[in-house]
Amino acid sequence: MPMFKAPFNGYSVKFSPFYESRLAVATAQNFGILGNGRIHVLELSPGGPGVTESIAFDTADAVYGVCWSESHDSVLIAAIGDGSVKIYDTALPPPSNPIRSFQEHAREVHSVDYNPTRRDSFLTASWDDTVKLWAMDRPASIRTFKEHAYCVYQAVWNPKHGDVFASASGDCTLRDWDVREPGPTMIIPGHDLEILSCDWNKYDDCVLATSSVDKTIKVWDVRSYRAPLAVLNGHGYAVRKVKFSPHRRNLIASCSYDMSVCLWDYMVEDALVGRYDHHTEFAVGVDMSVLVEGLMASTGWDELVYVWQQGMDPRAS
């Protein structure tokens, strides 16, 4: 199956919403502690197992997150360790990039997410305890959401409501927001330890998943959140990223510091339906293609990016 070796440690991977064969990878030197970063844009070979780099962008600091624009097929946005947010156009050569750079966060920007319904704005989550709302045509952020008490690791838009998003924080809370409201519309004390990621169900806009340092994934219904709908146990260490399938309402992907990528059916008792142990270091990034059902990608601190179909061994030739 396709595999790519990066010079730096992998942090995030994201399939293009426009091209079946394209994905972007965020990487950081020296495990993101100190050094440079690089964004790789990869292309899957048609009809074959190969993967090639089409373009790469170097940064002066670690790249922790990346997302594609939902309105321009060549534009991607990166979350940078120096607190900046940079926009790249893959149709232009590296010397002409980034096409824009914003410097407002006081600490590392950890994730970025483009609005899938409005397609005109994006969110950044930072270790400065804030989430910021941006528009591509504005010179500065539109709004800063400051209510978290510790690092915000991820902020993700609701798939059906263009004004609603959720955020996951080291303060152990999941917060639901409406940009038209002055503060969070809901605060869920989801885990006893830091919440590292969250994601919305693409088929039920009231259902969310969270992952935590406590090794669990929890599924929540925002209409009744006193207790989770499901608690998924199976990872041996902190669960770094959780992602709902864009094709099946009951399927969740996750990756962990235990070096595994797992698939879960949260609606059945034996929820763990797949486990992939291809990484040899922390697995910290996972994504599922919107355009090709069952196509997955992961990256980790072993500097490797794997792309495979569900049910297949990513290490198979």
C-alpha atoms as a PDB file:
ATOM      1  CA  MET A   1       0.000   0.000   0.000  1.00  0.00           C
ATOM      2  CA  PRO A   2       1.125   3.611  -0.526  1.00  0.00           C
ATOM      3  CA  MET A   3       3.661   4.871   2.001  1.00  0.00           C
ATOM      4  CA  PHE A   4       5.624   8.107   2.183  1.00  0.00           C
ATOM      5  CA  LYS A   5       8.749   8.776   4.234  1.00  0.00           C
ATOM      6  CA  ALA A   6       9.028  12.362   5.429  1.00  0.00           C
ATOM      7  CA  PRO A   7      12.217  13.968   6.762  1.00  0.00           C
ATOM      8  CA  PHE A   8      10.416  15.162   9.895  1.00  0.00           C
ATOM      9  CA  ASN A   9       7.927  13.678  12.365  1.00  0.00           C
ATOM     10  CA  GLY A  10       4.337  13.518  11.129  1.00  0.00           C
ATOM     11  CA  TYR A  11       1.638  15.446  12.988  1.00  0.00           C
ATOM     12  CA  SER A  12      -1.462  15.721  10.811  1.00  0.00           C
ATOM     13  CA  VAL A  13      -2.814  14.312   7.556  1.00  0.00           C
ATOM     14  CA  LYS A  14      -5.780  15.544   5.536  1.00  0.00           C
ATOM     15  CA  PHE A  15      -7.379  14.313   2.299  1.00  0.00           C
ATOM     16  CA  SER A  16      -8.382  16.875  -0.301  1.00  0.00           C
ATOM     17  CA  PRO A  17     -12.148  17.464  -0.602  1.00  0.00           C
ATOM     18  CA  PHE A  18     -11.679  18.011  -4.353  1.00  0.00           C
ATOM     19  CA  TYR A  19      -9.231  15.336  -5.580  1.00  0.00           C
ATOM     20  CA  GLU A  20      -9.409  11.645  -4.701  1.00  0.00           C
ATOM     21  CA  SER A  21      -5.661  11.152  -4.955  1.00  0.00           C
ATOM     22  CA  ARG A  22      -4.419  14.219  -3.051  1.00  0.00           C
ATOM     23  CA  LEU A  23      -3.590  14.683   0.606  1.00  0.00           C
ATOM     24  CA  ALA A  24      -1.596  17.104   2.731  1.00  0.00           C
ATOM     25  CA  VAL A  25       0.695  16.224   5.630  1.00  0.00           C
ATOM     26  CA  ALA A  26       1.959  18.482   8.431  1.00  0.00           C
ATOM     27  CA  THR A  27       5.365  17.618   9.899  1.00  0.00           C
ATOM     28  CA  ALA A  28       7.725  18.938  12.544  1.00  0.00           C
ATOM     29  CA  GLN A  29      11.443  18.505  13.201  1.00  0.00           C
ATOM     30  CA  ASN A  30      12.645  16.994  16.496  1.00  0.00           C
ATOM     31  CA  PHE A  31       9.158  15.797  17.476  1.00  0.00           C
ATOM     32  CA  GLY A  32       7.838  19.354  17.323  1.00  0.00           C
ATOM     33  CA  ILE A  33       9.879  20.482  20.306  1.00  0.00           C
ATOM     34  CA  LEU A  34      12.424  22.619  18.468  1.00  0.00           C
ATOM     35  CA  GLY A  35      13.219  23.165  14.809  1.00  0.00           C
ATOM     36  CA  ASN A  36      11.613  23.611  11.422  1.00  0.00           C
ATOM     37  CA  GLY A  37       8.471  22.225   9.828  1.00  0.00           C
ATOM     38  CA  ARG A  38       7.351  21.124   6.407  1.00  0.00           C
ATOM     39  CA  ILE A  39       4.015  20.701   4.635  1.00  0.00           C
ATOM     40  CA  HIS A  40       3.924  17.919   2.043  1.00  0.00           C
ATOM     41  CA  VAL A  41       1.293  17.648  -0.674  1.00  0.00           C
ATOM     42  CA  LEU A  42       1.132  14.037  -1.826  1.00  0.00           C
ATOM     43  CA  GLU A  43      -0.469  12.351  -4.818  1.00  0.00           C
ATOM     44  CA  LEU A  44      -1.546   8.715  -4.981  1.00  0.00           C
ATOM     45  CA  SER A  45      -0.519   6.994  -8.188  1.00  0.00           C
ATOM     46  CA  PRO A  46      -3.545   6.036 -10.324  1.00  0.00           C
ATOM     47  CA  GLY A  47      -4.029   2.285 -10.452  1.00  0.00           C
ATOM     48  CA  GLY A  48      -0.933   1.573  -8.399  1.00  0.00           C
ATOM     49  CA  PRO A  49       0.467   1.458  -4.885  1.00  0.00           C
ATOM     50  CA  GLY A  50       2.766   4.459  -5.202  1.00  0.00           C
ATOM     51  CA  VAL A  51       2.649   7.870  -3.556  1.00  0.00           C
ATOM     52  CA  THR A  52       4.653  10.873  -4.698  1.00  0.00           C
ATOM     53  CA  GLU A  53       5.249  14.377  -3.412  1.00  0.00           C
ATOM     54  CA  SER A  54       3.909  17.054  -5.753  1.00  0.00           C
ATOM     55  CA  ILE A  55       5.038  20.073  -3.746  1.00  0.00           C
ATOM     56  CA  ALA A  56       6.373  20.920  -0.278  1.00  0.00           C
ATOM     57  CA  PHE A  57       6.524  24.100   1.777  1.00  0.00           C
ATOM     58  CA  ASP A  58       9.159  24.698   4.459  1.00  0.00           C
ATOM     59  CA  THR A  59       8.400  26.641   7.624  1.00  0.00           C
ATOM     60  CA  ALA A  60      10.633  28.112  10.316  1.00  0.00           C
ATOM     61  CA  ASP A  61       8.712  26.323  13.046  1.00  0.00           C
ATOM     62  CA  ALA A  62       6.786  23.082  13.538  1.00  0.00           C
ATOM     63  CA  VAL A  63       3.578  22.472  11.589  1.00  0.00           C
ATOM     64  CA  TYR A  64       0.991  20.854  13.857  1.00  0.00           C
ATOM     65  CA  GLY A  65      -2.146  20.937  11.735  1.00  0.00           C
ATOM     66  CA  VAL A  66      -3.321  21.380   8.170  1.00  0.00           C
ATOM     67  CA  CYS A  67      -6.653  21.626   6.364  1.00  0.00           C
ATOM     68  CA  TRP A  68      -7.835  22.214   2.815  1.00  0.00           C
ATOM     69  CA  SER A  69     -10.018  25.087   1.753  1.00  0.00           C
ATOM     70  CA  GLU A  70     -13.560  24.015   0.905  1.00  0.00           C
ATOM     71  CA  SER A  71     -13.882  26.739  -1.741  1.00  0.00           C
ATOM     72  CA  HIS A  72     -10.504  26.732  -3.567  1.00  0.00           C
ATOM     73  CA  ASP A  73      -9.114  23.374  -4.641  1.00  0.00           C
ATOM     74  CA  SER A  74      -5.456  24.425  -4.451  1.00  0.00           C
ATOM     75  CA  VAL A  75      -5.516  26.292  -1.136  1.00  0.00           C
ATOM     76  CA  LEU A  76      -4.546  24.851   2.230  1.00  0.00           C
ATOM     77  CA  ILE A  77      -4.113  26.362   5.693  1.00  0.00           C
ATOM     78  CA  ALA A  78      -1.461  25.404   8.243  1.00  0.00           C
ATOM     79  CA  ALA A  79      -1.264  25.702  12.026  1.00  0.00           C
ATOM     80  CA  ILE A  80       2.283  26.689  12.991  1.00  0.00           C
ATOM     81  CA  GLY A  81       4.213  26.298  16.227  1.00  0.00           C
ATOM     82  CA  ASP A  82       5.249  29.963  16.350  1.00  0.00           C
ATOM     83  CA  GLY A  83       1.615  31.014  16.790  1.00  0.00           C
ATOM     84  CA  SER A  84       1.092  31.900  13.147  1.00  0.00           C
ATOM     85  CA  VAL A  85      -1.523  30.686  10.663  1.00  0.00           C
ATOM     86  CA  LYS A  86      -0.317  30.427   7.077  1.00  0.00           C
ATOM     87  CA  ILE A  87      -2.226  30.021   3.816  1.00  0.00           C
ATOM     88  CA  TYR A  88      -0.648  28.268   0.842  1.00  0.00           C
ATOM     89  CA  ASP A  89      -1.635  27.933  -2.801  1.00  0.00           C
ATOM     90  CA  THR A  90      -0.369  24.647  -4.192  1.00  0.00           C
ATOM     91  CA  ALA A  91      -0.787  25.987  -7.736  1.00  0.00           C
ATOM     92  CA  LEU A  92       2.053  28.430  -7.046  1.00  0.00           C
ATOM     93  CA  PRO A  93       5.734  27.525  -6.570  1.00  0.00           C
ATOM     94  CA  PRO A  94       7.162  27.457  -3.019  1.00  0.00           C
ATOM     95  CA  PRO A  95       8.938  30.851  -3.370  1.00  0.00           C
ATOM     96  CA  SER A  96       5.516  32.466  -3.962  1.00  0.00           C
ATOM     97  CA  ASN A  97       4.135  30.966  -0.731  1.00  0.00           C
ATOM     98  CA  PRO A  98       2.679  31.429   1.761  1.00  0.00           C
ATOM     99  CA  ILE A  99       0.202  33.753   0.120  1.00  0.00           C
ATOM    100  CA  ARG A 100      -0.960  34.991   3.538  1.00  0.00           C
ATOM    101  CA  SER A 101       0.223  34.777   7.129  1.00  0.00           C
ATOM    102  CA  PHE A 102      -1.608  35.740  10.324  1.00  0.00           C
ATOM    103  CA  GLN A 103       0.197  36.258  13.630  1.00  0.00           C
ATOM    104  CA  GLU A 104      -2.276  36.621  16.480  1.00  0.00           C
ATOM    105  CA  HIS A 105      -2.034  33.550  18.711  1.00  0.00           C
ATOM    106  CA  ALA A 106       0.349  33.919  21.654  1.00  0.00           C
ATOM    107  CA  ARG A 107       1.405  30.262  21.617  1.00  0.00           C
ATOM    108  CA  GLU A 108       1.467  27.252  19.296  1.00  0.00           C
ATOM    109  CA  VAL A 109      -1.471  26.823  16.937  1.00  0.00           C
ATOM    110  CA  HIS A 110      -2.434  23.173  17.219  1.00  0.00           C
ATOM    111  CA  SER A 111      -5.274  22.667  14.733  1.00  0.00           C
ATOM    112  CA  VAL A 112      -7.164  24.352  11.916  1.00  0.00           C
ATOM    113  CA  ASP A 113     -10.585  23.511  10.451  1.00  0.00           C
ATOM    114  CA  TYR A 114     -12.349  24.972   7.411  1.00  0.00           C
ATOM    115  CA  ASN A 115     -16.086  25.612   7.515  1.00  0.00           C
ATOM    116  CA  PRO A 116     -17.689  22.882   5.338  1.00  0.00           C
ATOM    117  CA  THR A 117     -21.082  24.554   4.968  1.00  0.00           C
ATOM    118  CA  ARG A 118     -20.390  28.279   4.664  1.00  0.00           C
ATOM    119  CA  ARG A 119     -17.033  27.621   2.957  1.00  0.00           C
ATOM    120  CA  ASP A 120     -15.846  31.132   3.774  1.00  0.00           C
ATOM    121  CA  SER A 121     -14.229  30.828   7.201  1.00  0.00           C
ATOM    122  CA  PHE A 122     -12.010  28.666   9.355  1.00  0.00           C
ATOM    123  CA  LEU A 123     -11.115  28.029  12.994  1.00  0.00           C
ATOM    124  CA  THR A 124      -7.777  27.758  14.756  1.00  0.00           C
ATOM    125  CA  ALA A 125      -7.186  26.223  18.181  1.00  0.00           C
ATOM    126  CA  SER A 126      -4.146  27.173  20.208  1.00  0.00           C
ATOM    127  CA  TRP A 127      -2.139  26.414  23.299  1.00  0.00           C
ATOM    128  CA  ASP A 128      -2.850  30.018  24.345  1.00  0.00           C
ATOM    129  CA  ASP A 129      -6.237  28.633  25.543  1.00  0.00           C
ATOM    130  CA  THR A 130      -8.202  30.294  22.729  1.00  0.00           C
ATOM    131  CA  VAL A 131     -10.047  29.520  19.514  1.00  0.00           C
ATOM    132  CA  LYS A 132     -10.057  32.115  16.740  1.00  0.00           C
ATOM    133  CA  LEU A 133     -12.499  32.571  13.867  1.00  0.00           C
ATOM    134  CA  TRP A 134     -11.050  33.768  10.547  1.00  0.00           C
ATOM    135  CA  ALA A 135     -12.252  34.647   7.050  1.00  0.00           C
ATOM    136  CA  MET A 136     -10.075  34.336   3.982  1.00  0.00           C
ATOM    137  CA  ASP A 137     -10.727  37.945   2.927  1.00  0.00           C
ATOM    138  CA  ARG A 138     -10.144  39.577   6.329  1.00  0.00           C
ATOM    139  CA  PRO A 139      -6.766  40.973   7.448  1.00  0.00           C
ATOM    140  CA  ALA A 140      -7.320  39.846  11.045  1.00  0.00           C
ATOM    141  CA  SER A 141      -9.385  37.333  12.985  1.00  0.00           C
ATOM    142  CA  ILE A 142     -13.112  37.986  13.303  1.00  0.00           C
ATOM    143  CA  ARG A 143     -13.446  36.803  16.881  1.00  0.00           C
ATOM    144  CA  THR A 144     -11.515  35.154  19.700  1.00  0.00           C
ATOM    145  CA  PHE A 145     -13.166  32.611  22.011  1.00  0.00           C
ATOM    146  CA  LYS A 146     -11.392  32.763  25.376  1.00  0.00           C
ATOM    147  CA  GLU A 147     -13.412  30.700  27.833  1.00  0.00           C
ATOM    148  CA  HIS A 148     -11.213  27.586  28.010  1.00  0.00           C
ATOM    149  CA  ALA A 149      -8.885  27.401  31.019  1.00  0.00           C
ATOM    150  CA  TYR A 150      -6.057  25.483  29.334  1.00  0.00           C
ATOM    151  CA  CYS A 151      -4.679  24.558  25.895  1.00  0.00           C
ATOM    152  CA  VAL A 152      -7.274  24.082  23.164  1.00  0.00           C
ATOM    153  CA  TYR A 153      -6.144  21.116  21.096  1.00  0.00           C
ATOM    154  CA  GLN A 154      -8.873  21.098  18.466  1.00  0.00           C
ATOM    155  CA  ALA A 155     -11.868  23.066  17.212  1.00  0.00           C
ATOM    156  CA  VAL A 156     -14.167  21.541  14.580  1.00  0.00           C
ATOM    157  CA  TRP A 157     -17.177  22.887  12.708  1.00  0.00           C
ATOM    158  CA  ASN A 158     -20.535  21.199  12.874  1.00  0.00           C
ATOM    159  CA  PRO A 159     -21.084  19.471   9.494  1.00  0.00           C
ATOM    160  CA  LYS A 160     -24.576  20.913   9.019  1.00  0.00           C
ATOM    161  CA  HIS A 161     -24.694  24.197  10.933  1.00  0.00           C
ATOM    162  CA  GLY A 162     -22.331  26.875   9.657  1.00  0.00           C
ATOM    163  CA  ASP A 163     -22.380  28.863  12.919  1.00  0.00           C
ATOM    164  CA  VAL A 164     -21.754  25.961  15.315  1.00  0.00           C
ATOM    165  CA  PHE A 165     -18.480  24.364  16.360  1.00  0.00           C
ATOM    166  CA  ALA A 166     -17.021  22.308  19.189  1.00  0.00           C
ATOM    167  CA  SER A 167     -13.680  22.578  20.970  1.00  0.00           C
ATOM    168  CA  ALA A 168     -11.595  20.087  22.962  1.00  0.00           C
ATOM    169  CA  SER A 169      -9.254  21.287  25.671  1.00  0.00           C
ATOM    170  CA  GLY A 170      -6.706  20.274  28.242  1.00  0.00           C
ATOM    171  CA  ASP A 171      -9.093  21.712  30.842  1.00  0.00           C
ATOM    172  CA  CYS A 172     -10.975  18.394  30.428  1.00  0.00           C
ATOM    173  CA  THR A 173     -14.030  19.990  28.851  1.00  0.00           C
ATOM    174  CA  LEU A 174     -15.736  19.740  25.496  1.00  0.00           C
ATOM    175  CA  ARG A 175     -17.468  22.993  24.614  1.00  0.00           C
ATOM    176  CA  ASP A 176     -20.165  23.642  22.052  1.00  0.00           C
ATOM    177  CA  TRP A 177     -20.287  27.127  20.533  1.00  0.00           C
ATOM    178  CA  ASP A 178     -22.505  29.218  18.296  1.00  0.00           C
ATOM    179  CA  VAL A 179     -20.626  32.182  16.815  1.00  0.00           C
ATOM    180  CA  ARG A 180     -23.784  34.285  17.208  1.00  0.00           C
ATOM    181  CA  GLU A 181     -23.712  33.795  20.983  1.00  0.00           C
ATOM    182  CA  PRO A 182     -21.393  35.558  23.479  1.00  0.00           C
ATOM    183  CA  GLY A 183     -20.144  32.378  25.129  1.00  0.00           C
ATOM    184  CA  PRO A 184     -20.275  28.586  24.882  1.00  0.00           C
ATOM    185  CA  THR A 185     -23.755  27.166  24.545  1.00  0.00           C
ATOM    186  CA  MET A 186     -22.740  23.959  26.294  1.00  0.00           C
ATOM    187  CA  ILE A 187     -19.891  22.786  28.539  1.00  0.00           C
ATOM    188  CA  ILE A 188     -19.406  19.029  28.906  1.00  0.00           C
ATOM    189  CA  PRO A 189     -16.905  17.859  31.561  1.00  0.00           C
ATOM    190  CA  GLY A 190     -16.157  14.918  29.304  1.00  0.00           C
ATOM    191  CA  HIS A 191     -13.068  13.279  30.829  1.00  0.00           C
ATOM    192  CA  ASP A 192     -11.032  13.331  34.023  1.00  0.00           C
ATOM    193  CA  LEU A 193      -7.853  13.989  32.025  1.00  0.00           C
ATOM    194  CA  GLU A 194      -7.055  16.250  29.075  1.00  0.00           C
ATOM    195  CA  ILE A 195      -9.280  16.009  25.997  1.00  0.00           C
ATOM    196  CA  LEU A 196      -7.011  15.909  22.951  1.00  0.00           C
ATOM    197  CA  SER A 197      -9.497  15.890  20.072  1.00  0.00           C
ATOM    198  CA  CYS A 198     -13.143  15.893  19.063  1.00  0.00           C
ATOM    199  CA  ASP A 199     -15.214  15.349  15.954  1.00  0.00           C
ATOM    200  CA  TRP A 200     -18.838  15.552  14.854  1.00  0.00           C
ATOM    201  CA  ASN A 201     -20.846  12.687  13.421  1.00  0.00           C
ATOM    202  CA  LYS A 202     -21.428  13.536   9.765  1.00  0.00           C
ATOM    203  CA  TYR A 203     -24.929  11.972   9.796  1.00  0.00           C
ATOM    204  CA  ASP A 204     -26.203  13.186  13.157  1.00  0.00           C
ATOM    205  CA  ASP A 205     -25.291  16.770  13.937  1.00  0.00           C
ATOM    206  CA  CYS A 206     -26.074  16.287  17.625  1.00  0.00           C
ATOM    207  CA  VAL A 207     -23.486  13.536  18.150  1.00  0.00           C
ATOM    208  CA  LEU A 208     -19.829  14.169  19.001  1.00  0.00           C
ATOM    209  CA  ALA A 209     -16.823  12.027  19.865  1.00  0.00           C
ATOM    210  CA  THR A 210     -13.960  12.982  22.170  1.00  0.00           C
ATOM    211  CA  SER A 211     -10.590  11.373  22.826  1.00  0.00           C
ATOM    212  CA  SER A 212      -8.473  11.795  25.903  1.00  0.00           C
ATOM    213  CA  VAL A 213      -5.258  11.210  27.786  1.00  0.00           C
ATOM    214  CA  ASP A 214      -7.347   8.760  29.859  1.00  0.00           C
ATOM    215  CA  LYS A 215      -7.025   6.278  26.914  1.00  0.00           C
ATOM    216  CA  THR A 216     -10.734   6.376  26.069  1.00  0.00           C
ATOM    217  CA  ILE A 217     -13.014   7.661  23.347  1.00  0.00           C
ATOM    218  CA  LYS A 218     -16.437   8.878  24.392  1.00  0.00           C
ATOM    219  CA  VAL A 219     -19.461   9.531  22.197  1.00  0.00           C
ATOM    220  CA  TRP A 220     -21.885  12.258  23.268  1.00  0.00           C
ATOM    221  CA  ASP A 221     -25.361  13.445  22.318  1.00  0.00           C
ATOM    222  CA  VAL A 222     -25.563  17.199  22.957  1.00  0.00           C
ATOM    223  CA  ARG A 223     -29.301  16.876  23.587  1.00  0.00           C
ATOM    224  CA  SER A 224     -28.628  14.688  26.644  1.00  0.00           C
ATOM    225  CA  TYR A 225     -25.006  14.805  27.727  1.00  0.00           C
ATOM    226  CA  ARG A 226     -25.061  13.849  31.416  1.00  0.00           C
ATOM    227  CA  ALA A 227     -23.717  10.462  30.377  1.00  0.00           C
ATOM    228  CA  PRO A 228     -21.969   9.436  27.150  1.00  0.00           C
ATOM    229  CA  LEU A 229     -23.714   7.309  24.556  1.00  0.00           C
ATOM    230  CA  ALA A 230     -20.656   5.054  24.456  1.00  0.00           C
ATOM    231  CA  VAL A 231     -17.231   4.691  26.029  1.00  0.00           C
ATOM    232  CA  LEU A 232     -14.670   2.981  23.792  1.00  0.00           C
ATOM    233  CA  ASN A 233     -11.799   1.214  25.543  1.00  0.00           C
ATOM    234  CA  GLY A 234      -8.914  -0.485  23.751  1.00  0.00           C
ATOM    235  CA  HIS A 235      -6.050   1.947  23.367  1.00  0.00           C
ATOM    236  CA  GLY A 236      -3.122   1.501  25.746  1.00  0.00           C
ATOM    237  CA  TYR A 237      -2.107   5.155  25.941  1.00  0.00           C
ATOM    238  CA  ALA A 238      -3.549   8.603  25.287  1.00  0.00           C
ATOM    239  CA  VAL A 239      -5.827   8.788  22.239  1.00  0.00           C
ATOM    240  CA  ARG A 240      -4.432  11.601  20.133  1.00  0.00           C
ATOM    241  CA  LYS A 241      -7.051  11.954  17.391  1.00  0.00           C
ATOM    242  CA  VAL A 242     -10.612  10.808  16.748  1.00  0.00           C
ATOM    243  CA  LYS A 243     -12.447  11.026  13.427  1.00  0.00           C
ATOM    244  CA  PHE A 244     -15.981  10.063  12.375  1.00  0.00           C
ATOM    245  CA  SER A 245     -16.378   8.329   9.027  1.00  0.00           C
ATOM    246  CA  PRO A 246     -17.841  10.540   6.276  1.00  0.00           C
ATOM    247  CA  HIS A 247     -19.574   7.469   4.835  1.00  0.00           C
ATOM    248  CA  ARG A 248     -20.893   5.420   7.804  1.00  0.00           C
ATOM    249  CA  ARG A 249     -22.639   6.994  10.764  1.00  0.00           C
ATOM    250  CA  ASN A 250     -21.486   4.373  13.251  1.00  0.00           C
ATOM    251  CA  LEU A 251     -17.793   4.218  12.319  1.00  0.00           C
ATOM    252  CA  ILE A 252     -14.990   6.083  14.129  1.00  0.00           C
ATOM    253  CA  ALA A 253     -11.238   6.086  13.476  1.00  0.00           C
ATOM    254  CA  SER A 254      -8.671   6.895  16.149  1.00  0.00           C
ATOM    255  CA  CYS A 255      -4.923   6.990  16.648  1.00  0.00           C
ATOM    256  CA  SER A 256      -2.906   6.847  19.800  1.00  0.00           C
ATOM    257  CA  TYR A 257       0.414   7.140  21.557  1.00  0.00           C
ATOM    258  CA  ASP A 258       0.237   3.325  21.728  1.00  0.00           C
ATOM    259  CA  MET A 259       1.262   3.539  18.023  1.00  0.00           C
ATOM    260  CA  SER A 260      -1.994   2.032  16.742  1.00  0.00           C
ATOM    261  CA  VAL A 261      -4.814   3.216  14.509  1.00  0.00           C
ATOM    262  CA  CYS A 262      -8.189   1.755  15.445  1.00  0.00           C
ATOM    263  CA  LEU A 263     -11.643   1.513  13.883  1.00  0.00           C
ATOM    264  CA  TRP A 264     -14.736   1.434  16.072  1.00  0.00           C
ATOM    265  CA  ASP A 265     -18.434   0.792  15.643  1.00  0.00           C
ATOM    266  CA  TYR A 266     -19.745   2.727  18.608  1.00  0.00           C
ATOM    267  CA  MET A 267     -23.262   1.318  18.214  1.00  0.00           C
ATOM    268  CA  VAL A 268     -22.353  -2.301  19.044  1.00  0.00           C
ATOM    269  CA  GLU A 269     -21.082  -3.925  22.234  1.00  0.00           C
ATOM    270  CA  ASP A 270     -17.782  -5.175  20.811  1.00  0.00           C
ATOM    271  CA  ALA A 271     -16.958  -1.760  19.403  1.00  0.00           C
ATOM    272  CA  LEU A 272     -13.375  -2.366  18.251  1.00  0.00           C
ATOM    273  CA  VAL A 273     -13.691  -3.615  14.657  1.00  0.00           C
ATOM    274  CA  GLY A 274     -10.189  -2.978  13.327  1.00  0.00           C
ATOM    275  CA  ARG A 275      -6.688  -2.358  14.630  1.00  0.00           C
ATOM    276  CA  TYR A 276      -3.650  -1.352  12.583  1.00  0.00           C
ATOM    277  CA  ASP A 277      -0.192  -1.551  14.126  1.00  0.00           C
ATOM    278  CA  HIS A 278       1.875  -0.239  11.229  1.00  0.00           C
ATOM    279  CA  HIS A 279       3.458   2.726  13.005  1.00  0.00           C
ATOM    280  CA  THR A 280       6.606   2.267  15.095  1.00  0.00           C
ATOM    281  CA  GLU A 281       6.240   5.545  17.002  1.00  0.00           C
ATOM    282  CA  PHE A 282       3.366   7.644  18.331  1.00  0.00           C
ATOM    283  CA  ALA A 283       0.470   7.712  15.818  1.00  0.00           C
ATOM    284  CA  VAL A 284      -0.819  11.279  15.971  1.00  0.00           C
ATOM    285  CA  GLY A 285      -2.700  11.971  12.720  1.00  0.00           C
ATOM    286  CA  VAL A 286      -5.527  10.095  11.007  1.00  0.00           C
ATOM    287  CA  ASP A 287      -8.060  10.991   8.321  1.00  0.00           C
ATOM    288  CA  MET A 288     -10.736   9.324   6.204  1.00  0.00           C
ATOM    289  CA  SER A 289     -11.386  10.359   2.601  1.00  0.00           C
ATOM    290  CA  VAL A 290     -14.649  12.129   1.858  1.00  0.00           C
ATOM    291  CA  LEU A 291     -14.440  11.136  -1.810  1.00  0.00           C
ATOM    292  CA  VAL A 292     -13.411   7.466  -1.607  1.00  0.00           C
ATOM    293  CA  GLU A 293     -15.251   5.258   0.870  1.00  0.00           C
ATOM    294  CA  GLY A 294     -12.902   3.255   3.077  1.00  0.00           C
ATOM    295  CA  LEU A 295      -9.743   5.144   2.123  1.00  0.00           C
ATOM    296  CA  MET A 296      -7.700   6.065   5.200  1.00  0.00           C
ATOM    297  CA  ALA A 297      -4.410   7.772   5.967  1.00  0.00           C
ATOM    298  CA  SER A 298      -2.297   8.080   9.083  1.00  0.00           C
ATOM    299  CA  THR A 299       0.972   9.662  10.129  1.00  0.00           C
ATOM    300  CA  GLY A 300       3.163   9.526  13.192  1.00  0.00           C
ATOM    301  CA  TRP A 301       6.434  10.344  14.854  1.00  0.00           C
ATOM    302  CA  ASP A 302       8.097   7.554  12.846  1.00  0.00           C
ATOM    303  CA  GLU A 303       8.130  10.044   9.915  1.00  0.00           C
ATOM    304  CA  LEU A 304       5.848   7.797   7.866  1.00  0.00           C
ATOM    305  CA  VAL A 305       2.545   8.424   6.102  1.00  0.00           C
ATOM    306  CA  TYR A 306       0.412   5.390   5.236  1.00  0.00           C
ATOM    307  CA  VAL A 307      -2.610   5.332   2.922  1.00  0.00           C
ATOM    308  CA  TRP A 308      -4.810   2.240   2.758  1.00  0.00           C
ATOM    309  CA  GLN A 309      -8.294   0.835   2.331  1.00  0.00           C
ATOM    310  CA  GLN A 310     -10.191  -0.283   5.429  1.00  0.00           C
ATOM    311  CA  GLY A 311      -9.636  -3.967   6.075  1.00  0.00           C
ATOM    312  CA  MET A 312      -6.221  -4.058   4.399  1.00  0.00           C
ATOM    313  CA  ASP A 313      -2.849  -4.190   6.146  1.00  0.00           C
ATOM    314  CA  PRO A 314      -1.147  -0.819   5.514  1.00  0.00           C
ATOM    315  CA  ARG A 315       2.230  -2.553   5.486  1.00  0.00           C
ATOM    316  CA  ALA A 316       1.242  -4.977   2.724  1.00  0.00           C
ATOM    317  CA  SER A 317       2.950  -4.463  -0.598  1.00  0.00           C
END
